Amino acid sequence: LEKILRVQAIALEQKLPFVHLVESAGANLTKY
């Protein structure tokens, strides 16, 4: 999550299109 937040911040500051390839089980509820 911190990694995604960081690269989003870079994209915003460097004016980059954000291309996201998504396939996620979401949060791991056993490690909530």
PDB file of all heavy atoms in Angstrom:
ATOM      1  N   LEU A   1       0.846  -1.203   0.000  1.00  0.00           N
ATOM      2  CA  LEU A   1       0.000   0.000   0.000  1.00  0.00           C
ATOM      3  C   LEU A   1       0.876   1.246   0.000  1.00  0.00           C
ATOM      4  O   LEU A   1       0.636   2.188  -0.772  1.00  0.00           O
ATOM      5  CB  LEU A   1      -0.913  -0.006   1.227  1.00  0.00           C
ATOM      6  CG  LEU A   1      -1.715   1.269   1.482  1.00  0.00           C
ATOM      7  CD1 LEU A   1      -2.638   1.578   0.314  1.00  0.00           C
ATOM      8  CD2 LEU A   1      -2.499   1.161   2.784  1.00  0.00           C
ATOM      9  N   GLU A   2       1.904   1.260   0.847  1.00  0.00           N
ATOM     10  CA  GLU A   2       2.809   2.419   0.879  1.00  0.00           C
ATOM     11  C   GLU A   2       3.504   2.600  -0.471  1.00  0.00           C
ATOM     12  O   GLU A   2       3.734   3.725  -0.918  1.00  0.00           O
ATOM     13  CB  GLU A   2       3.841   2.236   1.987  1.00  0.00           C
ATOM     14  CG  GLU A   2       3.256   2.327   3.383  1.00  0.00           C
ATOM     15  CD  GLU A   2       4.326   2.272   4.450  1.00  0.00           C
ATOM     16  OE1 GLU A   2       5.434   2.774   4.207  1.00  0.00           O
ATOM     17  OE2 GLU A   2       4.053   1.718   5.536  1.00  0.00           O
ATOM     18  N   LYS A   3       3.844   1.481  -1.100  1.00  0.00           N
ATOM     19  CA  LYS A   3       4.498   1.541  -2.409  1.00  0.00           C
ATOM     20  C   LYS A   3       3.580   2.179  -3.441  1.00  0.00           C
ATOM     21  O   LYS A   3       4.003   3.049  -4.217  1.00  0.00           O
ATOM     22  CB  LYS A   3       4.891   0.130  -2.833  1.00  0.00           C
ATOM     23  CG  LYS A   3       5.545   0.008  -4.203  1.00  0.00           C
ATOM     24  CD  LYS A   3       5.988  -1.429  -4.432  1.00  0.00           C
ATOM     25  CE  LYS A   3       6.601  -1.650  -5.799  1.00  0.00           C
ATOM     26  NZ  LYS A   3       7.148  -3.022  -5.949  1.00  0.00           N
ATOM     27  N   ILE A   4       2.311   1.776  -3.454  1.00  0.00           N
ATOM     28  CA  ILE A   4       1.368   2.361  -4.412  1.00  0.00           C
ATOM     29  C   ILE A   4       1.188   3.849  -4.136  1.00  0.00           C
ATOM     30  O   ILE A   4       1.169   4.675  -5.057  1.00  0.00           O
ATOM     31  CB  ILE A   4       0.009   1.633  -4.368  1.00  0.00           C
ATOM     32  CG1 ILE A   4       0.168   0.178  -4.794  1.00  0.00           C
ATOM     33  CG2 ILE A   4      -0.995   2.326  -5.297  1.00  0.00           C
ATOM     34  CD1 ILE A   4      -1.108  -0.643  -4.666  1.00  0.00           C
ATOM     35  N   LEU A   5       1.051   4.209  -2.861  1.00  0.00           N
ATOM     36  CA  LEU A   5       0.897   5.621  -2.519  1.00  0.00           C
ATOM     37  C   LEU A   5       2.110   6.427  -2.982  1.00  0.00           C
ATOM     38  O   LEU A   5       1.975   7.557  -3.460  1.00  0.00           O
ATOM     39  CB  LEU A   5       0.703   5.778  -1.011  1.00  0.00           C
ATOM     40  CG  LEU A   5      -0.596   5.208  -0.429  1.00  0.00           C
ATOM     41  CD1 LEU A   5      -0.575   5.290   1.096  1.00  0.00           C
ATOM     42  CD2 LEU A   5      -1.810   5.940  -0.983  1.00  0.00           C
ATOM     43  N   ARG A   6       3.299   5.836  -2.844  1.00  0.00           N
ATOM     44  CA  ARG A   6       4.518   6.543  -3.266  1.00  0.00           C
ATOM     45  C   ARG A   6       4.545   6.734  -4.779  1.00  0.00           C
ATOM     46  O   ARG A   6       4.829   7.840  -5.256  1.00  0.00           O
ATOM     47  CB  ARG A   6       5.755   5.754  -2.804  1.00  0.00           C
ATOM     48  CG  ARG A   6       7.078   6.268  -3.374  1.00  0.00           C
ATOM     49  CD  ARG A   6       7.338   7.716  -3.044  1.00  0.00           C
ATOM     50  NE  ARG A   6       8.563   8.207  -3.699  1.00  0.00           N
ATOM     51  CZ  ARG A   6       8.805   9.479  -3.967  1.00  0.00           C
ATOM     52  NH1 ARG A   6       7.919  10.420  -3.643  1.00  0.00           N
ATOM     53  NH2 ARG A   6       9.922   9.839  -4.558  1.00  0.00           N
ATOM     54  N   VAL A   7       4.254   5.698  -5.546  1.00  0.00           N
ATOM     55  CA  VAL A   7       4.333   5.854  -7.005  1.00  0.00           C
ATOM     56  C   VAL A   7       3.198   6.739  -7.523  1.00  0.00           C
ATOM     57  O   VAL A   7       3.357   7.420  -8.542  1.00  0.00           O
ATOM     58  CB  VAL A   7       4.361   4.484  -7.728  1.00  0.00           C
ATOM     59  CG1 VAL A   7       5.573   3.683  -7.281  1.00  0.00           C
ATOM     60  CG2 VAL A   7       3.094   3.701  -7.540  1.00  0.00           C
ATOM     61  N   GLN A   8       2.073   6.761  -6.822  1.00  0.00           N
ATOM     62  CA  GLN A   8       1.021   7.713  -7.193  1.00  0.00           C
ATOM     63  C   GLN A   8       1.505   9.141  -6.993  1.00  0.00           C
ATOM     64  O   GLN A   8       1.234  10.023  -7.819  1.00  0.00           O
ATOM     65  CB  GLN A   8      -0.242   7.461  -6.365  1.00  0.00           C
ATOM     66  CG  GLN A   8      -1.032   6.230  -6.771  1.00  0.00           C
ATOM     67  CD  GLN A   8      -2.246   6.029  -5.886  1.00  0.00           C
ATOM     68  OE1 GLN A   8      -2.222   6.336  -4.694  1.00  0.00           O
ATOM     69  NE2 GLN A   8      -3.306   5.498  -6.461  1.00  0.00           N
ATOM     70  N   ALA A   9       2.222   9.373  -5.889  1.00  0.00           N
ATOM     71  CA  ALA A   9       2.756  10.716  -5.627  1.00  0.00           C
ATOM     72  C   ALA A   9       3.762  11.113  -6.708  1.00  0.00           C
ATOM     73  O   ALA A   9       3.787  12.264  -7.149  1.00  0.00           O
ATOM     74  CB  ALA A   9       3.410  10.755  -4.246  1.00  0.00           C
ATOM     75  N   ILE A  10       4.600  10.163  -7.133  1.00  0.00           N
ATOM     76  CA  ILE A  10       5.552  10.448  -8.203  1.00  0.00           C
ATOM     77  C   ILE A  10       4.809  10.788  -9.489  1.00  0.00           C
ATOM     78  O   ILE A  10       5.149  11.752 -10.188  1.00  0.00           O
ATOM     79  CB  ILE A  10       6.489   9.245  -8.436  1.00  0.00           C
ATOM     80  CG1 ILE A  10       7.422   9.051  -7.230  1.00  0.00           C
ATOM     81  CG2 ILE A  10       7.317   9.433  -9.707  1.00  0.00           C
ATOM     82  CD1 ILE A  10       8.274   7.802  -7.301  1.00  0.00           C
ATOM     83  N   ALA A  11       3.779  10.005  -9.824  1.00  0.00           N
ATOM     84  CA  ALA A  11       3.005  10.250 -11.041  1.00  0.00           C
ATOM     85  C   ALA A  11       2.381  11.645 -11.017  1.00  0.00           C
ATOM     86  O   ALA A  11       2.372  12.357 -12.026  1.00  0.00           O
ATOM     87  CB  ALA A  11       1.929   9.186 -11.206  1.00  0.00           C
ATOM     88  N   LEU A  12       1.871  12.046  -9.856  1.00  0.00           N
ATOM     89  CA  LEU A  12       1.234  13.359  -9.743  1.00  0.00           C
ATOM     90  C   LEU A  12       2.269  14.474  -9.909  1.00  0.00           C
ATOM     91  O   LEU A  12       2.033  15.447 -10.646  1.00  0.00           O
ATOM     92  CB  LEU A  12       0.539  13.472  -8.383  1.00  0.00           C
ATOM     93  CG  LEU A  12      -0.337  14.702  -8.147  1.00  0.00           C
ATOM     94  CD1 LEU A  12      -1.493  14.751  -9.142  1.00  0.00           C
ATOM     95  CD2 LEU A  12      -0.872  14.705  -6.723  1.00  0.00           C
ATOM     96  N   GLU A  13       3.423  14.331  -9.266  1.00  0.00           N
ATOM     97  CA  GLU A  13       4.436  15.380  -9.337  1.00  0.00           C
ATOM     98  C   GLU A  13       5.104  15.451 -10.705  1.00  0.00           C
ATOM     99  O   GLU A  13       5.419  16.529 -11.204  1.00  0.00           O
ATOM    100  CB  GLU A  13       5.504  15.148  -8.255  1.00  0.00           C
ATOM    101  CG  GLU A  13       6.513  16.272  -8.150  1.00  0.00           C
ATOM    102  CD  GLU A  13       7.417  16.135  -6.949  1.00  0.00           C
ATOM    103  OE1 GLU A  13       7.837  14.999  -6.631  1.00  0.00           O
ATOM    104  OE2 GLU A  13       7.728  17.159  -6.315  1.00  0.00           O
ATOM    105  N   GLN A  14       5.293  14.276 -11.334  1.00  0.00           N
ATOM    106  CA  GLN A  14       5.982  14.230 -12.629  1.00  0.00           C
ATOM    107  C   GLN A  14       5.018  14.243 -13.818  1.00  0.00           C
ATOM    108  O   GLN A  14       5.445  14.066 -14.964  1.00  0.00           O
ATOM    109  CB  GLN A  14       6.875  12.981 -12.704  1.00  0.00           C
ATOM    110  CG  GLN A  14       7.900  12.875 -11.588  1.00  0.00           C
ATOM    111  CD  GLN A  14       8.760  14.118 -11.473  1.00  0.00           C
ATOM    112  OE1 GLN A  14       9.133  14.728 -12.471  1.00  0.00           O
ATOM    113  NE2 GLN A  14       9.057  14.509 -10.240  1.00  0.00           N
ATOM    114  N   LYS A  15       3.734  14.438 -13.552  1.00  0.00           N
ATOM    115  CA  LYS A  15       2.708  14.588 -14.604  1.00  0.00           C
ATOM    116  C   LYS A  15       2.693  13.378 -15.551  1.00  0.00           C
ATOM    117  O   LYS A  15       2.751  13.514 -16.775  1.00  0.00           O
ATOM    118  CB  LYS A  15       2.933  15.886 -15.390  1.00  0.00           C
ATOM    119  CG  LYS A  15       2.915  17.139 -14.525  1.00  0.00           C
ATOM    120  CD  LYS A  15       3.193  18.388 -15.345  1.00  0.00           C
ATOM    121  CE  LYS A  15       3.305  19.625 -14.470  1.00  0.00           C
ATOM    122  NZ  LYS A  15       3.647  20.837 -15.266  1.00  0.00           N
ATOM    123  N   LEU A  16       2.586  12.189 -14.942  1.00  0.00           N
ATOM    124  CA  LEU A  16       2.605  10.949 -15.715  1.00  0.00           C
ATOM    125  C   LEU A  16       1.219  10.314 -15.742  1.00  0.00           C
ATOM    126  O   LEU A  16       0.545  10.243 -14.712  1.00  0.00           O
ATOM    127  CB  LEU A  16       3.579   9.945 -15.077  1.00  0.00           C
ATOM    128  CG  LEU A  16       5.044  10.364 -14.976  1.00  0.00           C
ATOM    129  CD1 LEU A  16       5.813   9.362 -14.128  1.00  0.00           C
ATOM    130  CD2 LEU A  16       5.655  10.476 -16.361  1.00  0.00           C
ATOM    131  N   PRO A  17       0.774   9.815 -16.892  1.00  0.00           N
ATOM    132  CA  PRO A  17      -0.430   8.989 -16.906  1.00  0.00           C
ATOM    133  C   PRO A  17      -0.227   7.791 -15.986  1.00  0.00           C
ATOM    134  O   PRO A  17       0.888   7.265 -15.871  1.00  0.00           O
ATOM    135  CB  PRO A  17      -0.553   8.549 -18.368  1.00  0.00           C
ATOM    136  CG  PRO A  17       0.227   9.562 -19.139  1.00  0.00           C
ATOM    137  CD  PRO A  17       1.350   9.982 -18.239  1.00  0.00           C
ATOM    138  N   PHE A  18      -1.293   7.350 -15.349  1.00  0.00           N
ATOM    139  CA  PHE A  18      -1.221   6.253 -14.390  1.00  0.00           C
ATOM    140  C   PHE A  18      -1.950   5.053 -14.982  1.00  0.00           C
ATOM    141  O   PHE A  18      -3.172   5.078 -15.154  1.00  0.00           O
ATOM    142  CB  PHE A  18      -1.877   6.675 -13.069  1.00  0.00           C
ATOM    143  CG  PHE A  18      -1.638   5.738 -11.919  1.00  0.00           C
ATOM    144  CD1 PHE A  18      -0.471   5.803 -11.182  1.00  0.00           C
ATOM    145  CD2 PHE A  18      -2.584   4.786 -11.570  1.00  0.00           C
ATOM    146  CE1 PHE A  18      -0.245   4.948 -10.114  1.00  0.00           C
ATOM    147  CE2 PHE A  18      -2.373   3.924 -10.508  1.00  0.00           C
ATOM    148  CZ  PHE A  18      -1.199   4.009  -9.770  1.00  0.00           C
ATOM    149  N   VAL A  19      -1.180   4.014 -15.313  1.00  0.00           N
ATOM    150  CA  VAL A  19      -1.751   2.818 -15.938  1.00  0.00           C
ATOM    151  C   VAL A  19      -1.680   1.680 -14.928  1.00  0.00           C
ATOM    152  O   VAL A  19      -0.594   1.284 -14.497  1.00  0.00           O
ATOM    153  CB  VAL A  19      -1.002   2.450 -17.232  1.00  0.00           C
ATOM    154  CG1 VAL A  19      -1.644   1.237 -17.883  1.00  0.00           C
ATOM    155  CG2 VAL A  19      -1.006   3.644 -18.192  1.00  0.00           C
ATOM    156  N   HIS A  20      -2.850   1.147 -14.566  1.00  0.00           N
ATOM    157  CA  HIS A  20      -2.962   0.190 -13.467  1.00  0.00           C
ATOM    158  C   HIS A  20      -3.487  -1.141 -14.002  1.00  0.00           C
ATOM    159  O   HIS A  20      -4.576  -1.191 -14.593  1.00  0.00           O
ATOM    160  CB  HIS A  20      -3.930   0.760 -12.419  1.00  0.00           C
ATOM    161  CG  HIS A  20      -3.751   0.182 -11.059  1.00  0.00           C
ATOM    162  ND1 HIS A  20      -4.451   0.631  -9.957  1.00  0.00           N
ATOM    163  CD2 HIS A  20      -2.960  -0.816 -10.596  1.00  0.00           C
ATOM    164  CE1 HIS A  20      -4.086  -0.056  -8.892  1.00  0.00           C
ATOM    165  NE2 HIS A  20      -3.198  -0.948  -9.257  1.00  0.00           N
ATOM    166  N   LEU A  21      -2.711  -2.202 -13.795  1.00  0.00           N
ATOM    167  CA  LEU A  21      -3.127  -3.547 -14.180  1.00  0.00           C
ATOM    168  C   LEU A  21      -3.592  -4.249 -12.911  1.00  0.00           C
ATOM    169  O   LEU A  21      -2.789  -4.649 -12.068  1.00  0.00           O
ATOM    170  CB  LEU A  21      -1.962  -4.307 -14.831  1.00  0.00           C
ATOM    171  CG  LEU A  21      -1.222  -3.570 -15.962  1.00  0.00           C
ATOM    172  CD1 LEU A  21      -0.146  -4.469 -16.560  1.00  0.00           C
ATOM    173  CD2 LEU A  21      -2.194  -3.095 -17.036  1.00  0.00           C
ATOM    174  N   VAL A  22      -4.918  -4.383 -12.769  1.00  0.00           N
ATOM    175  CA  VAL A  22      -5.508  -4.788 -11.494  1.00  0.00           C
ATOM    176  C   VAL A  22      -5.968  -6.244 -11.516  1.00  0.00           C
ATOM    177  O   VAL A  22      -6.679  -6.675 -12.429  1.00  0.00           O
ATOM    178  CB  VAL A  22      -6.708  -3.879 -11.140  1.00  0.00           C
ATOM    179  CG1 VAL A  22      -7.382  -4.349  -9.863  1.00  0.00           C
ATOM    180  CG2 VAL A  22      -6.257  -2.428 -11.008  1.00  0.00           C
ATOM    181  N   GLU A  23      -5.539  -6.978 -10.527  1.00  0.00           N
ATOM    182  CA  GLU A  23      -6.096  -8.291 -10.204  1.00  0.00           C
ATOM    183  C   GLU A  23      -5.742  -8.562  -8.759  1.00  0.00           C
ATOM    184  O   GLU A  23      -4.665  -9.057  -8.442  1.00  0.00           O
ATOM    185  CB  GLU A  23      -5.531  -9.398 -11.099  1.00  0.00           C
ATOM    186  CG  GLU A  23      -6.190 -10.745 -10.810  1.00  0.00           C
ATOM    187  CD  GLU A  23      -5.747 -11.835 -11.755  1.00  0.00           C
ATOM    188  OE1 GLU A  23      -4.596 -11.791 -12.218  1.00  0.00           O
ATOM    189  OE2 GLU A  23      -6.561 -12.733 -12.031  1.00  0.00           O
ATOM    190  N   SER A  24      -6.636  -8.188  -7.872  1.00  0.00           N
ATOM    191  CA  SER A  24      -6.300  -8.204  -6.454  1.00  0.00           C
ATOM    192  C   SER A  24      -7.420  -8.814  -5.632  1.00  0.00           C
ATOM    193  O   SER A  24      -8.604  -8.523  -5.849  1.00  0.00           O
ATOM    194  CB  SER A  24      -6.032  -6.778  -5.960  1.00  0.00           C
ATOM    195  OG  SER A  24      -5.857  -6.760  -4.563  1.00  0.00           O
ATOM    196  N   ALA A  25      -7.017  -9.637  -4.676  1.00  0.00           N
ATOM    197  CA  ALA A  25      -7.983 -10.206  -3.739  1.00  0.00           C
ATOM    198  C   ALA A  25      -8.349  -9.210  -2.648  1.00  0.00           C
ATOM    199  O   ALA A  25      -9.062  -9.555  -1.712  1.00  0.00           O
ATOM    200  CB  ALA A  25      -7.404 -11.477  -3.119  1.00  0.00           C
ATOM    201  N   GLY A  26      -7.861  -7.976  -2.776  1.00  0.00           N
ATOM    202  CA  GLY A  26      -8.141  -6.961  -1.765  1.00  0.00           C
ATOM    203  C   GLY A  26      -7.266  -7.158  -0.546  1.00  0.00           C
ATOM    204  O   GLY A  26      -6.165  -7.700  -0.625  1.00  0.00           O
ATOM    205  N   ALA A  27      -7.758  -6.749   0.597  1.00  0.00           N
ATOM    206  CA  ALA A  27      -6.992  -6.909   1.834  1.00  0.00           C
ATOM    207  C   ALA A  27      -7.087  -8.353   2.311  1.00  0.00           C
ATOM    208  O   ALA A  27      -8.124  -9.006   2.164  1.00  0.00           O
ATOM    209  CB  ALA A  27      -7.534  -5.965   2.905  1.00  0.00           C
ATOM    210  N   ASN A  28      -5.982  -8.827   2.880  1.00  0.00           N
ATOM    211  CA  ASN A  28      -5.971 -10.165   3.476  1.00  0.00           C
ATOM    212  C   ASN A  28      -6.615 -10.064   4.852  1.00  0.00           C
ATOM    213  O   ASN A  28      -6.012  -9.557   5.796  1.00  0.00           O
ATOM    214  CB  ASN A  28      -4.535 -10.680   3.576  1.00  0.00           C
ATOM    215  CG  ASN A  28      -4.471 -12.124   4.038  1.00  0.00           C
ATOM    216  OD1 ASN A  28      -5.381 -12.621   4.700  1.00  0.00           O
ATOM    217  ND2 ASN A  28      -3.395 -12.810   3.685  1.00  0.00           N
ATOM    218  N   LEU A  29      -7.864 -10.556   4.978  1.00  0.00           N
ATOM    219  CA  LEU A  29      -8.615 -10.382   6.218  1.00  0.00           C
ATOM    220  C   LEU A  29      -7.997 -11.148   7.376  1.00  0.00           C
ATOM    221  O   LEU A  29      -8.217 -10.804   8.544  1.00  0.00           O
ATOM    222  CB  LEU A  29     -10.070 -10.813   6.009  1.00  0.00           C
ATOM    223  CG  LEU A  29     -10.859  -9.977   4.992  1.00  0.00           C
ATOM    224  CD1 LEU A  29     -12.295 -10.475   4.906  1.00  0.00           C
ATOM    225  CD2 LEU A  29     -10.828  -8.495   5.343  1.00  0.00           C
ATOM    226  N   THR A  30      -7.213 -12.192   7.087  1.00  0.00           N
ATOM    227  CA  THR A  30      -6.559 -12.927   8.168  1.00  0.00           C
ATOM    228  C   THR A  30      -5.413 -12.121   8.774  1.00  0.00           C
ATOM    229  O   THR A  30      -4.942 -12.440   9.857  1.00  0.00           O
ATOM    230  CB  THR A  30      -6.019 -14.282   7.665  1.00  0.00           C
ATOM    231  OG1 THR A  30      -4.996 -14.048   6.695  1.00  0.00           O
ATOM    232  CG2 THR A  30      -7.137 -15.115   7.053  1.00  0.00           C
ATOM    233  N   LYS A  31      -4.962 -11.085   8.067  1.00  0.00           N
ATOM    234  CA  LYS A  31      -3.905 -10.210   8.564  1.00  0.00           C
ATOM    235  C   LYS A  31      -4.414  -8.775   8.702  1.00  0.00           C
ATOM    236  O   LYS A  31      -3.668  -7.815   8.551  1.00  0.00           O
ATOM    237  CB  LYS A  31      -2.694 -10.252   7.623  1.00  0.00           C
ATOM    238  CG  LYS A  31      -2.083 -11.646   7.461  1.00  0.00           C
ATOM    239  CD  LYS A  31      -0.921 -11.633   6.479  1.00  0.00           C
ATOM    240  CE  LYS A  31      -0.340 -13.028   6.296  1.00  0.00           C
ATOM    241  NZ  LYS A  31       0.775 -13.031   5.308  1.00  0.00           N
ATOM    242  N   TYR A  32      -5.700  -8.637   8.991  1.00  0.00           N
ATOM    243  CA  TYR A  32      -6.338  -7.328   9.041  1.00  0.00           C
ATOM    244  C   TYR A  32      -5.675  -6.409  10.053  1.00  0.00           C
ATOM    245  O   TYR A  32      -5.387  -6.787  11.183  1.00  0.00           O
ATOM    246  CB  TYR A  32      -7.815  -7.497   9.407  1.00  0.00           C
ATOM    247  CG  TYR A  32      -8.535  -6.186   9.709  1.00  0.00           C
ATOM    248  CD1 TYR A  32      -8.897  -5.328   8.683  1.00  0.00           C
ATOM    249  CD2 TYR A  32      -8.823  -5.828  11.026  1.00  0.00           C
ATOM    250  CE1 TYR A  32      -9.545  -4.130   8.965  1.00  0.00           C
ATOM    251  CE2 TYR A  32      -9.473  -4.637  11.312  1.00  0.00           C
ATOM    252  CZ  TYR A  32      -9.831  -3.790  10.274  1.00  0.00           C
ATOM    253  OH  TYR A  32     -10.467  -2.610  10.538  1.00  0.00           O
TER     254      TYR A  32
END
